[in-house]
């Protein structure tokens, strides 16, 4: 029997809860990329910080318009989690699956969630110039941004050390604004590998091979 406070916290989710062995399908109709011409802003609209009453904050990003999102780390044991977006709004979050450093979440958007442009590539872009975004930890905080090359040490502050101050779950984007990996346990995991671990099947036409026009 559900408690009244639980029903108030999450009266309805935009996608049903998948079974433990169910494949989660993502198709073209699930995508909702922001049309902003700036690649950083295009990614930023789908990035949010997950927090609870006592848990540490970590970053996640939406991959479907009904709120499926990716993050990394160990699932927290709090009953109530919230996602804080760039506009300062807090929205309910639940953890659907977690396996080998990656998590599938769902955030409850009042309108269709803006999704980051993404590609289910099989390998992280070593030595390629990328940028990483992190969600706002506190209301009013900006999204943080870092540029650099994966796999290279920091040189005069221009390199990207993903073992540094990142909380985990941050999207790793090519400079054209297409997310190809996420930060997990101090390294970049390609989205294709993360999808495979989490039982996500992607329609061939769903992944963003290029930024929206």
Foldseek 3Di string as FASTA:
>chain_A
DDDPVVCVQDVDALDDADDPPDFAEDEQQFAAFDPDQQLVVRQQQFKWWKDDPPDAIAIWGAAGQRFKIKWWDDDDDDPWMWTQGQQRDTWTKDWRDYDDGMTIMGTHDPGGGHGFQAAQDQDDQAQAKKKWWTHARHRPRHIDMAIAGPPDDQDPNNHDFLQPDHPTHIFIGHNQNYTQFTGGPRHTGGNNVNSVRRNYDYDPPRHRPGDDD
